Amino acid sequence: MSRVTIREASLRSLPELNRLFEDAVRAHFTYFAEPVRARVMREHSLRNLLRAKLDRRRVLLVARAEGRIIGYAIGAAPPLGPAQLFWLYVEPGYRGDNIGLSLLSRMLKSLAARGARVVSIATHDHRRYYQRQGFQFRHKTQVDGVDMDILTFSIKP
């Protein structure tokens, strides 16, 4: 395994992040219907990733190995309510080496630095993973026709 670095996405890295995001949505988020996946890709277009990068409340992290992005985490700390971890993804060939955990830890620190005290996530099939990291299950809900678990993490001051 080559050395992996985790850092905030740079402006120059956004096209590559966008490509990986779209590839991941197409290949690994198939529990959502095709129209939902198409909408999600539009919502995370290169233009919208640029807007997110320029928004101080947003956090875009990338994991790099072998000179390319192999994972990402996207979140936000709004002025009111809990912060959100929207996306956490690592390419399948790089899973099992705690890259996701590194992205998650860095995301929680970044959100805390933006004033977050609680972080919320909706997950379809990774509830146990997030609970092992200290997230608490809150309730089930439907998101775009898919059963999701809502979990929260309390950031200690």
N, C-alpha and C. Protein backbone atom coordinates (compact mmCIF):
# COMPACT_ATOMS: atom_id res chain seq x y z
N MET A 1 0.85 -1.18 0.00
CA MET A 1 0.00 0.00 0.00
C MET A 1 0.89 1.23 0.00
N SER A 2 0.63 2.13 -0.92
CA SER A 2 1.40 3.36 -0.99
C SER A 2 0.92 4.33 0.08
N ARG A 3 1.71 5.36 0.31
CA ARG A 3 1.38 6.37 1.30
C ARG A 3 0.11 7.11 0.88
N VAL A 4 -0.78 7.32 1.84
CA VAL A 4 -2.04 8.02 1.60
C VAL A 4 -2.00 9.33 2.36
N THR A 5 -2.41 10.41 1.67
CA THR A 5 -2.50 11.71 2.32
C THR A 5 -3.97 12.15 2.32
N ILE A 6 -4.36 12.81 3.39
CA ILE A 6 -5.71 13.36 3.53
C ILE A 6 -5.54 14.87 3.67
N ARG A 7 -6.26 15.61 2.82
CA ARG A 7 -6.21 17.07 2.93
C ARG A 7 -7.45 17.68 2.31
N GLU A 8 -7.62 18.97 2.57
CA GLU A 8 -8.75 19.66 1.94
C GLU A 8 -8.53 19.67 0.43
N ALA A 9 -9.61 19.52 -0.30
CA ALA A 9 -9.52 19.53 -1.76
C ALA A 9 -9.04 20.91 -2.21
N SER A 10 -8.14 20.93 -3.17
CA SER A 10 -7.69 22.19 -3.75
C SER A 10 -8.58 22.51 -4.95
N LEU A 11 -8.52 23.74 -5.39
CA LEU A 11 -9.29 24.11 -6.59
C LEU A 11 -8.87 23.23 -7.77
N ARG A 12 -7.59 22.97 -7.89
CA ARG A 12 -7.09 22.15 -9.01
C ARG A 12 -7.56 20.70 -8.94
N SER A 13 -7.89 20.22 -7.74
CA SER A 13 -8.30 18.82 -7.60
C SER A 13 -9.79 18.60 -7.86
N LEU A 14 -10.56 19.68 -8.01
CA LEU A 14 -12.02 19.54 -8.13
C LEU A 14 -12.46 18.74 -9.36
N PRO A 15 -11.85 18.90 -10.55
CA PRO A 15 -12.29 18.06 -11.67
C PRO A 15 -12.08 16.56 -11.39
N GLU A 16 -10.97 16.21 -10.78
CA GLU A 16 -10.72 14.81 -10.45
C GLU A 16 -11.68 14.32 -9.38
N LEU A 17 -11.95 15.16 -8.38
CA LEU A 17 -12.93 14.80 -7.35
C LEU A 17 -14.29 14.58 -7.99
N ASN A 18 -14.69 15.46 -8.89
CA ASN A 18 -15.97 15.33 -9.58
C ASN A 18 -16.06 14.01 -10.34
N ARG A 19 -15.00 13.64 -11.04
CA ARG A 19 -15.01 12.36 -11.79
C ARG A 19 -15.16 11.17 -10.85
N LEU A 20 -14.41 11.16 -9.75
CA LEU A 20 -14.51 10.05 -8.80
C LEU A 20 -15.89 10.02 -8.17
N PHE A 21 -16.43 11.19 -7.83
CA PHE A 21 -17.77 11.25 -7.25
C PHE A 21 -18.79 10.64 -8.20
N GLU A 22 -18.76 11.04 -9.46
CA GLU A 22 -19.71 10.50 -10.44
C GLU A 22 -19.52 9.00 -10.63
N ASP A 23 -18.28 8.55 -10.70
CA ASP A 23 -18.02 7.11 -10.84
C ASP A 23 -18.59 6.35 -9.64
N ALA A 24 -18.39 6.89 -8.44
CA ALA A 24 -18.88 6.24 -7.23
C ALA A 24 -20.41 6.19 -7.21
N VAL A 25 -21.06 7.28 -7.58
CA VAL A 25 -22.52 7.31 -7.58
C VAL A 25 -23.06 6.28 -8.57
N ARG A 26 -22.45 6.21 -9.75
CA ARG A 26 -22.91 5.24 -10.76
C ARG A 26 -22.71 3.79 -10.31
N ALA A 27 -21.57 3.50 -9.72
CA ALA A 27 -21.21 2.11 -9.43
C ALA A 27 -21.59 1.61 -8.05
N HIS A 28 -21.65 2.51 -7.06
CA HIS A 28 -21.79 2.02 -5.68
C HIS A 28 -23.00 2.53 -4.93
N PHE A 29 -23.75 3.44 -5.51
CA PHE A 29 -24.95 3.94 -4.85
C PHE A 29 -26.18 3.52 -5.63
N THR A 30 -26.15 2.26 -6.08
CA THR A 30 -27.21 1.74 -6.94
C THR A 30 -28.51 1.45 -6.19
N TYR A 31 -28.50 1.57 -4.87
CA TYR A 31 -29.76 1.41 -4.14
C TYR A 31 -30.69 2.60 -4.40
N PHE A 32 -30.15 3.70 -4.92
CA PHE A 32 -30.98 4.81 -5.36
C PHE A 32 -31.38 4.58 -6.81
N ALA A 33 -32.58 4.97 -7.16
CA ALA A 33 -33.05 4.86 -8.54
C ALA A 33 -32.21 5.75 -9.45
N GLU A 34 -32.17 5.38 -10.72
CA GLU A 34 -31.35 6.13 -11.68
C GLU A 34 -31.67 7.63 -11.70
N PRO A 35 -32.94 8.05 -11.70
CA PRO A 35 -33.21 9.50 -11.69
C PRO A 35 -32.63 10.20 -10.45
N VAL A 36 -32.60 9.52 -9.32
CA VAL A 36 -32.04 10.10 -8.11
C VAL A 36 -30.52 10.24 -8.27
N ARG A 37 -29.87 9.19 -8.78
CA ARG A 37 -28.42 9.26 -8.99
C ARG A 37 -28.07 10.38 -9.97
N ALA A 38 -28.87 10.54 -11.02
CA ALA A 38 -28.62 11.62 -12.00
C ALA A 38 -28.75 12.98 -11.33
N ARG A 39 -29.76 13.15 -10.47
CA ARG A 39 -29.93 14.41 -9.76
C ARG A 39 -28.75 14.68 -8.81
N VAL A 40 -28.32 13.64 -8.12
CA VAL A 40 -27.19 13.79 -7.19
C VAL A 40 -25.93 14.22 -7.95
N MET A 41 -25.71 13.64 -9.12
CA MET A 41 -24.54 14.04 -9.91
C MET A 41 -24.66 15.49 -10.38
N ARG A 42 -25.85 15.91 -10.75
CA ARG A 42 -26.05 17.32 -11.13
C ARG A 42 -25.79 18.24 -9.93
N GLU A 43 -26.28 17.82 -8.76
CA GLU A 43 -26.09 18.63 -7.55
C GLU A 43 -24.62 18.73 -7.15
N HIS A 44 -23.81 17.78 -7.60
CA HIS A 44 -22.38 17.78 -7.28
C HIS A 44 -21.55 17.98 -8.54
N SER A 45 -22.08 18.80 -9.43
CA SER A 45 -21.36 19.13 -10.66
C SER A 45 -20.07 19.86 -10.30
N LEU A 46 -19.20 19.99 -11.27
CA LEU A 46 -17.95 20.72 -11.04
C LEU A 46 -18.24 22.14 -10.57
N ARG A 47 -19.22 22.78 -11.16
CA ARG A 47 -19.59 24.14 -10.76
C ARG A 47 -20.03 24.17 -9.30
N ASN A 48 -20.85 23.20 -8.89
CA ASN A 48 -21.32 23.18 -7.50
C ASN A 48 -20.23 22.79 -6.53
N LEU A 49 -19.30 21.94 -6.94
CA LEU A 49 -18.15 21.64 -6.08
C LEU A 49 -17.30 22.90 -5.88
N LEU A 50 -17.17 23.69 -6.93
CA LEU A 50 -16.43 24.95 -6.81
C LEU A 50 -17.14 25.88 -5.82
N ARG A 51 -18.44 25.98 -5.93
CA ARG A 51 -19.20 26.81 -4.98
C ARG A 51 -19.00 26.30 -3.55
N ALA A 52 -19.05 24.98 -3.38
CA ALA A 52 -18.86 24.41 -2.05
C ALA A 52 -17.46 24.70 -1.53
N LYS A 53 -16.47 24.61 -2.39
CA LYS A 53 -15.09 24.88 -1.99
C LYS A 53 -14.94 26.32 -1.51
N LEU A 54 -15.65 27.23 -2.13
CA LEU A 54 -15.55 28.64 -1.77
C LEU A 54 -16.41 29.02 -0.56
N ASP A 55 -17.28 28.13 -0.12
CA ASP A 55 -18.17 28.36 1.02
C ASP A 55 -17.44 27.90 2.29
N ARG A 56 -17.19 28.81 3.20
CA ARG A 56 -16.40 28.50 4.41
C ARG A 56 -17.08 27.46 5.31
N ARG A 57 -18.38 27.27 5.14
CA ARG A 57 -19.09 26.28 5.96
C ARG A 57 -18.91 24.86 5.44
N ARG A 58 -18.52 24.74 4.20
CA ARG A 58 -18.38 23.42 3.56
C ARG A 58 -16.99 22.86 3.77
N VAL A 59 -16.92 21.52 3.79
CA VAL A 59 -15.64 20.83 3.90
C VAL A 59 -15.59 19.78 2.79
N LEU A 60 -14.56 19.86 1.97
CA LEU A 60 -14.31 18.87 0.92
C LEU A 60 -12.91 18.31 1.18
N LEU A 61 -12.87 17.06 1.57
CA LEU A 61 -11.59 16.41 1.84
C LEU A 61 -11.33 15.34 0.78
N VAL A 62 -10.06 15.15 0.46
CA VAL A 62 -9.69 14.10 -0.48
C VAL A 62 -8.57 13.25 0.12
N ALA A 63 -8.61 11.98 -0.21
CA ALA A 63 -7.53 11.05 0.12
C ALA A 63 -6.80 10.76 -1.19
N ARG A 64 -5.47 10.90 -1.16
CA ARG A 64 -4.66 10.66 -2.35
C ARG A 64 -3.68 9.53 -2.10
N ALA A 65 -3.51 8.71 -3.11
CA ALA A 65 -2.50 7.64 -3.11
C ALA A 65 -2.06 7.46 -4.55
N GLU A 66 -0.80 7.17 -4.72
CA GLU A 66 -0.28 6.90 -6.06
C GLU A 66 -0.60 8.03 -7.03
N GLY A 67 -0.61 9.28 -6.51
CA GLY A 67 -0.79 10.44 -7.36
C GLY A 67 -2.21 10.74 -7.80
N ARG A 68 -3.19 10.06 -7.20
CA ARG A 68 -4.57 10.32 -7.60
C ARG A 68 -5.49 10.25 -6.40
N ILE A 69 -6.71 10.82 -6.56
CA ILE A 69 -7.70 10.80 -5.50
C ILE A 69 -8.33 9.41 -5.46
N ILE A 70 -8.33 8.82 -4.26
CA ILE A 70 -8.90 7.48 -4.09
C ILE A 70 -10.05 7.48 -3.08
N GLY A 71 -10.36 8.65 -2.53
CA GLY A 71 -11.47 8.74 -1.59
C GLY A 71 -11.78 10.19 -1.28
N TYR A 72 -12.95 10.41 -0.68
CA TYR A 72 -13.35 11.78 -0.34
C TYR A 72 -14.36 11.76 0.79
N ALA A 73 -14.48 12.92 1.41
CA ALA A 73 -15.54 13.18 2.39
C ALA A 73 -16.05 14.59 2.12
N ILE A 74 -17.36 14.74 2.12
CA ILE A 74 -17.99 16.03 1.86
C ILE A 74 -18.97 16.32 3.00
N GLY A 75 -18.82 17.48 3.62
CA GLY A 75 -19.69 17.83 4.73
C GLY A 75 -19.91 19.32 4.81
N ALA A 76 -20.71 19.74 5.80
CA ALA A 76 -21.01 21.15 5.99
C ALA A 76 -21.38 21.41 7.44
N ALA A 77 -21.05 22.62 7.89
CA ALA A 77 -21.40 23.07 9.23
C ALA A 77 -22.27 24.32 9.09
N PRO A 78 -23.59 24.15 9.00
CA PRO A 78 -24.47 25.32 8.86
C PRO A 78 -24.48 26.13 10.16
N PRO A 79 -24.91 27.39 10.08
CA PRO A 79 -24.91 28.23 11.28
C PRO A 79 -25.85 27.70 12.38
N LEU A 80 -26.94 27.04 12.00
CA LEU A 80 -27.88 26.48 12.97
C LEU A 80 -28.06 25.00 12.71
N GLY A 81 -28.28 24.25 13.76
CA GLY A 81 -28.52 22.82 13.62
C GLY A 81 -27.24 22.03 13.50
N PRO A 82 -27.39 20.73 13.38
CA PRO A 82 -26.20 19.88 13.34
C PRO A 82 -25.43 20.04 12.03
N ALA A 83 -24.14 19.79 12.10
CA ALA A 83 -23.34 19.69 10.89
C ALA A 83 -23.73 18.39 10.18
N GLN A 84 -23.38 18.29 8.93
CA GLN A 84 -23.74 17.12 8.14
C GLN A 84 -22.50 16.51 7.50
N LEU A 85 -22.42 15.21 7.55
CA LEU A 85 -21.47 14.47 6.72
C LEU A 85 -22.32 13.90 5.60
N PHE A 86 -22.17 14.47 4.40
CA PHE A 86 -23.00 14.05 3.28
C PHE A 86 -22.47 12.80 2.59
N TRP A 87 -21.17 12.76 2.39
CA TRP A 87 -20.57 11.67 1.63
C TRP A 87 -19.23 11.27 2.24
N LEU A 88 -19.01 9.97 2.33
CA LEU A 88 -17.72 9.41 2.71
C LEU A 88 -17.53 8.21 1.80
N TYR A 89 -16.48 8.25 0.99
CA TYR A 89 -16.27 7.19 0.00
C TYR A 89 -14.78 6.91 -0.16
N VAL A 90 -14.46 5.62 -0.25
CA VAL A 90 -13.10 5.15 -0.56
C VAL A 90 -13.23 4.09 -1.64
N GLU A 91 -12.40 4.19 -2.67
CA GLU A 91 -12.43 3.19 -3.74
C GLU A 91 -12.28 1.79 -3.14
N PRO A 92 -13.00 0.81 -3.67
CA PRO A 92 -12.96 -0.54 -3.10
C PRO A 92 -11.56 -1.13 -2.94
N GLY A 93 -10.67 -0.90 -3.86
CA GLY A 93 -9.32 -1.46 -3.77
C GLY A 93 -8.49 -0.89 -2.64
N TYR A 94 -8.95 0.19 -2.03
CA TYR A 94 -8.22 0.84 -0.94
C TYR A 94 -8.93 0.68 0.40
N ARG A 95 -10.01 -0.05 0.43
CA ARG A 95 -10.74 -0.23 1.68
C ARG A 95 -10.00 -1.23 2.58
N GLY A 96 -10.24 -1.10 3.87
CA GLY A 96 -9.63 -2.00 4.84
C GLY A 96 -8.32 -1.48 5.41
N ASP A 97 -7.89 -0.31 4.97
CA ASP A 97 -6.64 0.27 5.47
C ASP A 97 -6.88 1.54 6.28
N ASN A 98 -8.09 1.71 6.80
CA ASN A 98 -8.47 2.85 7.65
C ASN A 98 -8.44 4.20 6.95
N ILE A 99 -8.50 4.21 5.63
CA ILE A 99 -8.56 5.48 4.91
C ILE A 99 -9.89 6.17 5.19
N GLY A 100 -10.98 5.41 5.20
CA GLY A 100 -12.28 5.98 5.53
C GLY A 100 -12.28 6.57 6.93
N LEU A 101 -11.67 5.86 7.87
CA LEU A 101 -11.58 6.35 9.24
C LEU A 101 -10.75 7.63 9.30
N SER A 102 -9.67 7.69 8.53
CA SER A 102 -8.85 8.91 8.49
C SER A 102 -9.65 10.08 7.92
N LEU A 103 -10.39 9.83 6.84
CA LEU A 103 -11.24 10.88 6.27
C LEU A 103 -12.29 11.32 7.29
N LEU A 104 -12.93 10.36 7.96
CA LEU A 104 -13.96 10.67 8.94
C LEU A 104 -13.38 11.49 10.09
N SER A 105 -12.25 11.09 10.63
CA SER A 105 -11.63 11.81 11.74
C SER A 105 -11.28 13.23 11.35
N ARG A 106 -10.70 13.38 10.18
CA ARG A 106 -10.34 14.72 9.70
C ARG A 106 -11.60 15.57 9.48
N MET A 107 -12.66 14.95 8.96
CA MET A 107 -13.91 15.67 8.75
C MET A 107 -14.47 16.17 10.07
N LEU A 108 -14.50 15.30 11.08
CA LEU A 108 -15.04 15.71 12.38
C LEU A 108 -14.24 16.88 12.96
N LYS A 109 -12.92 16.84 12.80
CA LYS A 109 -12.07 17.94 13.29
C LYS A 109 -12.35 19.22 12.50
N SER A 110 -12.51 19.10 11.20
CA SER A 110 -12.78 20.28 10.36
C SER A 110 -14.14 20.89 10.70
N LEU A 111 -15.14 20.05 10.91
CA LEU A 111 -16.47 20.55 11.26
C LEU A 111 -16.44 21.20 12.65
N ALA A 112 -15.71 20.60 13.57
CA ALA A 112 -15.58 21.18 14.91
C ALA A 112 -14.91 22.55 14.83
N ALA A 113 -13.91 22.70 13.98
CA ALA A 113 -13.22 23.99 13.81
C ALA A 113 -14.16 25.04 13.24
N ARG A 114 -15.24 24.61 12.58
CA ARG A 114 -16.23 25.54 12.03
C ARG A 114 -17.40 25.74 13.01
N GLY A 115 -17.24 25.25 14.23
CA GLY A 115 -18.23 25.49 15.27
C GLY A 115 -19.23 24.38 15.51
N ALA A 116 -19.12 23.27 14.80
CA ALA A 116 -20.07 22.18 14.98
C ALA A 116 -19.88 21.49 16.33
N ARG A 117 -20.99 21.12 16.93
CA ARG A 117 -20.95 20.34 18.18
C ARG A 117 -21.64 19.00 17.99
N VAL A 118 -22.47 18.90 16.95
CA VAL A 118 -23.14 17.64 16.61
C VAL A 118 -23.03 17.46 15.10
N VAL A 119 -22.73 16.22 14.69
CA VAL A 119 -22.64 15.89 13.26
C VAL A 119 -23.64 14.79 12.98
N SER A 120 -24.42 14.97 11.93
CA SER A 120 -25.46 14.01 11.55
C SER A 120 -25.09 13.35 10.23
N ILE A 121 -25.50 12.10 10.08
CA ILE A 121 -25.28 11.38 8.82
C ILE A 121 -26.48 10.47 8.56
N ALA A 122 -26.80 10.31 7.30
CA ALA A 122 -27.80 9.33 6.86
C ALA A 122 -27.04 8.25 6.11
N THR A 123 -27.27 6.99 6.47
CA THR A 123 -26.57 5.90 5.79
C THR A 123 -27.55 4.78 5.48
N HIS A 124 -27.34 4.17 4.35
CA HIS A 124 -28.21 3.07 3.93
C HIS A 124 -27.76 1.75 4.54
N ASP A 125 -26.47 1.50 4.51
CA ASP A 125 -26.01 0.17 4.93
C ASP A 125 -24.71 0.16 5.74
N HIS A 126 -24.37 1.30 6.36
CA HIS A 126 -23.13 1.34 7.13
C HIS A 126 -23.36 1.78 8.58
N ARG A 127 -24.52 1.50 9.09
CA ARG A 127 -24.86 1.90 10.47
C ARG A 127 -23.84 1.36 11.48
N ARG A 128 -23.51 0.09 11.37
CA ARG A 128 -22.58 -0.51 12.34
C ARG A 128 -21.20 0.15 12.28
N TYR A 129 -20.73 0.48 11.09
CA TYR A 129 -19.44 1.16 10.95
C TYR A 129 -19.44 2.47 11.73
N TYR A 130 -20.47 3.29 11.50
CA TYR A 130 -20.52 4.59 12.15
C TYR A 130 -20.72 4.44 13.67
N GLN A 131 -21.47 3.45 14.09
CA GLN A 131 -21.63 3.23 15.53
C GLN A 131 -20.29 2.85 16.16
N ARG A 132 -19.48 2.06 15.49
CA ARG A 132 -18.15 1.72 16.02
C ARG A 132 -17.27 2.96 16.16
N GLN A 133 -17.57 4.01 15.41
CA GLN A 133 -16.78 5.24 15.47
C GLN A 133 -17.36 6.24 16.46
N GLY A 134 -18.43 5.86 17.17
CA GLY A 134 -18.99 6.73 18.20
C GLY A 134 -20.29 7.43 17.83
N PHE A 135 -20.82 7.18 16.65
CA PHE A 135 -22.10 7.76 16.26
C PHE A 135 -23.22 7.00 16.98
N GLN A 136 -24.29 7.72 17.28
CA GLN A 136 -25.45 7.14 17.95
C GLN A 136 -26.62 7.08 16.97
N PHE A 137 -27.25 5.91 16.90
CA PHE A 137 -28.43 5.77 16.05
C PHE A 137 -29.56 6.61 16.63
N ARG A 138 -30.26 7.36 15.77
CA ARG A 138 -31.38 8.19 16.20
C ARG A 138 -32.72 7.65 15.70
N HIS A 139 -32.82 7.41 14.40
CA HIS A 139 -34.08 6.89 13.86
C HIS A 139 -33.88 6.47 12.41
N LYS A 140 -34.89 5.78 11.90
CA LYS A 140 -34.92 5.41 10.48
C LYS A 140 -35.79 6.41 9.74
N THR A 141 -35.48 6.59 8.47
CA THR A 141 -36.28 7.47 7.63
C THR A 141 -36.16 7.00 6.19
N GLN A 142 -36.93 7.61 5.33
CA GLN A 142 -36.83 7.33 3.89
C GLN A 142 -36.23 8.55 3.21
N VAL A 143 -35.24 8.33 2.38
CA VAL A 143 -34.62 9.38 1.58
C VAL A 143 -34.71 8.94 0.13
N ASP A 144 -35.46 9.67 -0.65
CA ASP A 144 -35.63 9.33 -2.08
C ASP A 144 -36.04 7.87 -2.28
N GLY A 145 -36.94 7.39 -1.40
CA GLY A 145 -37.46 6.04 -1.53
C GLY A 145 -36.58 4.94 -0.97
N VAL A 146 -35.51 5.30 -0.27
CA VAL A 146 -34.58 4.31 0.28
C VAL A 146 -34.58 4.43 1.80
N ASP A 147 -34.65 3.28 2.49
CA ASP A 147 -34.56 3.27 3.95
C ASP A 147 -33.16 3.71 4.38
N MET A 148 -33.11 4.67 5.27
CA MET A 148 -31.84 5.19 5.76
C MET A 148 -31.86 5.26 7.28
N ASP A 149 -30.69 5.07 7.86
CA ASP A 149 -30.50 5.25 9.30
C ASP A 149 -29.91 6.64 9.52
N ILE A 150 -30.45 7.36 10.47
CA ILE A 150 -29.92 8.66 10.85
C ILE A 150 -29.13 8.47 12.13
N LEU A 151 -27.88 8.91 12.11
CA LEU A 151 -27.00 8.80 13.26
C LEU A 151 -26.39 10.16 13.55
N THR A 152 -26.00 10.38 14.81
CA THR A 152 -25.35 11.63 15.17
C THR A 152 -24.10 11.34 16.00
N PHE A 153 -23.18 12.28 15.91
CA PHE A 153 -21.92 12.21 16.67
C PHE A 153 -21.80 13.51 17.45
N SER A 154 -21.56 13.41 18.75
CA SER A 154 -21.36 14.60 19.58
C SER A 154 -19.89 14.91 19.69
N ILE A 155 -19.53 16.14 19.32
CA ILE A 155 -18.14 16.58 19.39
C ILE A 155 -17.91 17.17 20.77
N LYS A 156 -16.91 16.65 21.43
CA LYS A 156 -16.60 17.14 22.76
C LYS A 156 -15.81 18.45 22.67
N PRO A 157 -16.21 19.47 23.46
CA PRO A 157 -15.51 20.78 23.39
C PRO A 157 -14.07 20.70 23.85
